[in-house]
Amino acid sequence: MIRKATRADRLRILQIRFAVRENRACAVLKESGHATAVLTTEAGTRAERFYRADGWTEIGRKEDGQIIFQKNLSSEWRKIQ
């Protein structure tokens, strides 16, 4: 019998899909000659927790409270096909 996907299952699938897209974006930036990637996200969100767990470093805050994250592409980049 196949069990119904739980909320946690669906969240994990979304996290995996996002990680694949994020790594592809980082690959494009690295191949274009960029050494770092920078992004912002709201504080206290799943996105914030995801980026911290994925090795992004907080480098500051915007006036509206958004967290500014940076990732070193030369040492942190993982290729996903």
N, C-alpha and C. Protein backbone atom coordinates (compact mmCIF):
# COMPACT_ATOMS: atom_id res chain seq x y z
N MET A 1 0.83 -1.18 0.00
CA MET A 1 0.00 0.00 0.00
C MET A 1 0.87 1.24 0.00
N ILE A 2 0.55 2.19 -0.83
CA ILE A 2 1.30 3.43 -0.92
C ILE A 2 0.72 4.42 0.08
N ARG A 3 1.61 4.99 0.89
CA ARG A 3 1.13 5.95 1.87
C ARG A 3 1.03 7.34 1.25
N LYS A 4 0.16 8.14 1.79
CA LYS A 4 -0.01 9.51 1.31
C LYS A 4 1.17 10.35 1.79
N ALA A 5 1.65 11.21 0.91
CA ALA A 5 2.77 12.08 1.26
C ALA A 5 2.36 13.04 2.37
N THR A 6 3.24 13.16 3.34
CA THR A 6 2.99 14.07 4.46
C THR A 6 3.46 15.47 4.09
N ARG A 7 3.12 16.42 4.94
CA ARG A 7 3.60 17.80 4.73
C ARG A 7 5.13 17.83 4.72
N ALA A 8 5.74 17.06 5.61
CA ALA A 8 7.20 17.00 5.67
C ALA A 8 7.79 16.42 4.38
N ASP A 9 7.13 15.42 3.81
CA ASP A 9 7.57 14.84 2.54
C ASP A 9 7.53 15.90 1.43
N ARG A 10 6.42 16.62 1.38
CA ARG A 10 6.27 17.64 0.33
C ARG A 10 7.30 18.76 0.50
N LEU A 11 7.54 19.16 1.75
CA LEU A 11 8.54 20.20 2.03
C LEU A 11 9.92 19.74 1.60
N ARG A 12 10.27 18.49 1.89
CA ARG A 12 11.59 17.97 1.50
C ARG A 12 11.75 17.94 -0.02
N ILE A 13 10.70 17.57 -0.72
CA ILE A 13 10.75 17.58 -2.19
C ILE A 13 11.00 18.99 -2.70
N LEU A 14 10.31 19.97 -2.12
CA LEU A 14 10.52 21.36 -2.53
C LEU A 14 11.94 21.82 -2.22
N GLN A 15 12.47 21.42 -1.07
CA GLN A 15 13.84 21.79 -0.71
C GLN A 15 14.84 21.20 -1.70
N ILE A 16 14.63 19.96 -2.10
CA ILE A 16 15.53 19.32 -3.06
C ILE A 16 15.46 20.03 -4.41
N ARG A 17 14.25 20.32 -4.87
CA ARG A 17 14.10 21.03 -6.14
C ARG A 17 14.77 22.39 -6.08
N PHE A 18 14.60 23.10 -4.96
CA PHE A 18 15.21 24.42 -4.82
C PHE A 18 16.73 24.31 -4.80
N ALA A 19 17.26 23.32 -4.10
CA ALA A 19 18.71 23.13 -4.02
C ALA A 19 19.30 22.88 -5.40
N VAL A 20 18.61 22.10 -6.21
CA VAL A 20 19.09 21.82 -7.57
C VAL A 20 19.11 23.11 -8.38
N ARG A 21 18.04 23.90 -8.31
CA ARG A 21 18.01 25.18 -9.06
C ARG A 21 19.08 26.13 -8.56
N GLU A 22 19.25 26.21 -7.23
CA GLU A 22 20.25 27.11 -6.65
C GLU A 22 21.64 26.71 -7.11
N ASN A 23 21.95 25.42 -7.12
CA ASN A 23 23.26 24.97 -7.56
C ASN A 23 23.48 25.23 -9.04
N ARG A 24 22.44 25.10 -9.83
CA ARG A 24 22.57 25.42 -11.26
C ARG A 24 22.84 26.91 -11.46
N ALA A 25 22.14 27.74 -10.68
CA ALA A 25 22.37 29.19 -10.78
C ALA A 25 23.80 29.52 -10.37
N CYS A 26 24.28 28.90 -9.30
CA CYS A 26 25.66 29.14 -8.87
C CYS A 26 26.65 28.66 -9.93
N ALA A 27 26.34 27.55 -10.59
CA ALA A 27 27.21 27.05 -11.65
C ALA A 27 27.31 28.05 -12.80
N VAL A 28 26.18 28.62 -13.18
CA VAL A 28 26.18 29.61 -14.26
C VAL A 28 27.01 30.83 -13.86
N LEU A 29 26.84 31.30 -12.63
CA LEU A 29 27.62 32.45 -12.16
C LEU A 29 29.11 32.13 -12.16
N LYS A 30 29.47 30.95 -11.66
CA LYS A 30 30.88 30.57 -11.61
C LYS A 30 31.47 30.46 -13.01
N GLU A 31 30.74 29.83 -13.91
CA GLU A 31 31.22 29.68 -15.29
C GLU A 31 31.34 31.02 -15.99
N SER A 32 30.61 32.03 -15.51
CA SER A 32 30.68 33.38 -16.07
C SER A 32 31.79 34.21 -15.44
N GLY A 33 32.53 33.61 -14.52
CA GLY A 33 33.68 34.29 -13.93
C GLY A 33 33.43 34.93 -12.58
N HIS A 34 32.25 34.73 -11.99
CA HIS A 34 31.96 35.30 -10.68
C HIS A 34 32.56 34.43 -9.58
N ALA A 35 33.11 35.08 -8.55
CA ALA A 35 33.70 34.35 -7.43
C ALA A 35 32.72 34.18 -6.28
N THR A 36 31.70 35.04 -6.22
CA THR A 36 30.73 34.97 -5.14
C THR A 36 29.31 35.18 -5.68
N ALA A 37 28.35 34.68 -4.89
CA ALA A 37 26.93 34.92 -5.18
C ALA A 37 26.34 35.62 -3.97
N VAL A 38 25.43 36.56 -4.19
CA VAL A 38 24.80 37.30 -3.11
C VAL A 38 23.29 37.25 -3.32
N LEU A 39 22.55 37.07 -2.22
CA LEU A 39 21.09 37.10 -2.29
C LEU A 39 20.54 37.64 -0.99
N THR A 40 19.25 37.98 -1.01
CA THR A 40 18.58 38.44 0.20
C THR A 40 17.33 37.61 0.44
N THR A 41 16.94 37.52 1.72
CA THR A 41 15.70 36.84 2.09
C THR A 41 15.22 37.41 3.41
N GLU A 42 13.95 37.21 3.69
CA GLU A 42 13.39 37.69 4.95
C GLU A 42 13.91 36.87 6.12
N ALA A 43 14.06 37.54 7.25
CA ALA A 43 14.50 36.86 8.47
C ALA A 43 13.38 35.98 9.02
N GLY A 44 13.77 34.87 9.65
CA GLY A 44 12.81 33.99 10.30
C GLY A 44 12.02 33.10 9.37
N THR A 45 12.48 32.92 8.15
CA THR A 45 11.75 32.11 7.17
C THR A 45 12.47 30.77 6.94
N ARG A 46 11.75 29.86 6.27
CA ARG A 46 12.39 28.59 5.88
C ARG A 46 13.56 28.86 4.95
N ALA A 47 13.42 29.87 4.10
CA ALA A 47 14.52 30.21 3.18
C ALA A 47 15.77 30.59 3.96
N GLU A 48 15.62 31.38 5.01
CA GLU A 48 16.78 31.74 5.83
C GLU A 48 17.44 30.50 6.40
N ARG A 49 16.65 29.61 6.96
CA ARG A 49 17.21 28.38 7.53
C ARG A 49 17.89 27.52 6.46
N PHE A 50 17.27 27.46 5.28
CA PHE A 50 17.85 26.68 4.18
C PHE A 50 19.22 27.23 3.78
N TYR A 51 19.30 28.56 3.58
CA TYR A 51 20.57 29.15 3.15
C TYR A 51 21.65 28.97 4.20
N ARG A 52 21.30 29.14 5.46
CA ARG A 52 22.30 28.93 6.52
C ARG A 52 22.79 27.48 6.51
N ALA A 53 21.89 26.53 6.40
CA ALA A 53 22.26 25.12 6.38
C ALA A 53 23.07 24.75 5.14
N ASP A 54 22.87 25.51 4.05
CA ASP A 54 23.56 25.23 2.80
C ASP A 54 24.91 25.94 2.69
N GLY A 55 25.32 26.62 3.76
CA GLY A 55 26.65 27.22 3.76
C GLY A 55 26.74 28.67 3.35
N TRP A 56 25.60 29.34 3.17
CA TRP A 56 25.61 30.77 2.87
C TRP A 56 25.97 31.53 4.14
N THR A 57 26.71 32.63 4.01
CA THR A 57 27.16 33.44 5.14
C THR A 57 26.40 34.76 5.17
N GLU A 58 25.86 35.10 6.33
CA GLU A 58 25.19 36.40 6.47
C GLU A 58 26.25 37.49 6.48
N ILE A 59 26.10 38.47 5.59
CA ILE A 59 27.08 39.56 5.52
C ILE A 59 26.47 40.90 5.89
N GLY A 60 25.18 40.92 6.21
CA GLY A 60 24.56 42.17 6.63
C GLY A 60 23.05 42.10 6.55
N ARG A 61 22.45 43.26 6.82
CA ARG A 61 20.99 43.40 6.77
C ARG A 61 20.65 44.66 5.99
N LYS A 62 19.56 44.58 5.25
CA LYS A 62 19.06 45.77 4.55
C LYS A 62 18.22 46.58 5.54
N GLU A 63 17.89 47.79 5.17
CA GLU A 63 17.10 48.66 6.05
C GLU A 63 15.76 48.05 6.42
N ASP A 64 15.18 47.24 5.53
CA ASP A 64 13.88 46.63 5.80
C ASP A 64 13.99 45.32 6.57
N GLY A 65 15.20 44.95 7.03
CA GLY A 65 15.39 43.74 7.82
C GLY A 65 15.77 42.51 7.03
N GLN A 66 15.74 42.60 5.70
CA GLN A 66 16.14 41.46 4.88
C GLN A 66 17.60 41.10 5.17
N ILE A 67 17.86 39.80 5.22
CA ILE A 67 19.22 39.31 5.45
C ILE A 67 19.94 39.23 4.11
N ILE A 68 21.17 39.69 4.09
CA ILE A 68 22.01 39.59 2.90
C ILE A 68 22.96 38.42 3.11
N PHE A 69 22.88 37.44 2.22
CA PHE A 69 23.74 36.26 2.28
C PHE A 69 24.73 36.28 1.13
N GLN A 70 25.89 35.67 1.36
CA GLN A 70 26.91 35.54 0.33
C GLN A 70 27.45 34.11 0.35
N LYS A 71 27.78 33.62 -0.83
CA LYS A 71 28.38 32.29 -0.94
C LYS A 71 29.61 32.37 -1.82
N ASN A 72 30.72 31.80 -1.35
CA ASN A 72 31.95 31.74 -2.12
C ASN A 72 31.82 30.60 -3.12
N LEU A 73 31.77 30.93 -4.38
CA LEU A 73 31.54 29.91 -5.41
C LEU A 73 32.75 29.04 -5.67
N SER A 74 33.93 29.56 -5.43
CA SER A 74 35.12 28.77 -5.74
C SER A 74 35.32 27.63 -4.74
N SER A 75 34.88 27.79 -3.48
CA SER A 75 35.11 26.72 -2.51
C SER A 75 33.84 25.95 -2.16
N GLU A 76 32.65 26.53 -2.36
CA GLU A 76 31.41 25.90 -1.93
C GLU A 76 30.61 25.28 -3.07
N TRP A 77 31.00 25.52 -4.29
CA TRP A 77 30.19 25.13 -5.43
C TRP A 77 30.15 23.62 -5.60
N ARG A 78 28.94 23.08 -5.80
CA ARG A 78 28.76 21.65 -6.08
C ARG A 78 28.03 21.53 -7.41
N LYS A 79 28.55 20.71 -8.27
CA LYS A 79 27.91 20.55 -9.58
C LYS A 79 26.81 19.51 -9.51
N ILE A 80 25.62 19.90 -9.98
CA ILE A 80 24.49 18.99 -10.08
C ILE A 80 24.00 19.03 -11.51
N GLN A 81 23.94 17.91 -12.13
CA GLN A 81 23.52 17.84 -13.54
C GLN A 81 22.03 17.95 -13.66
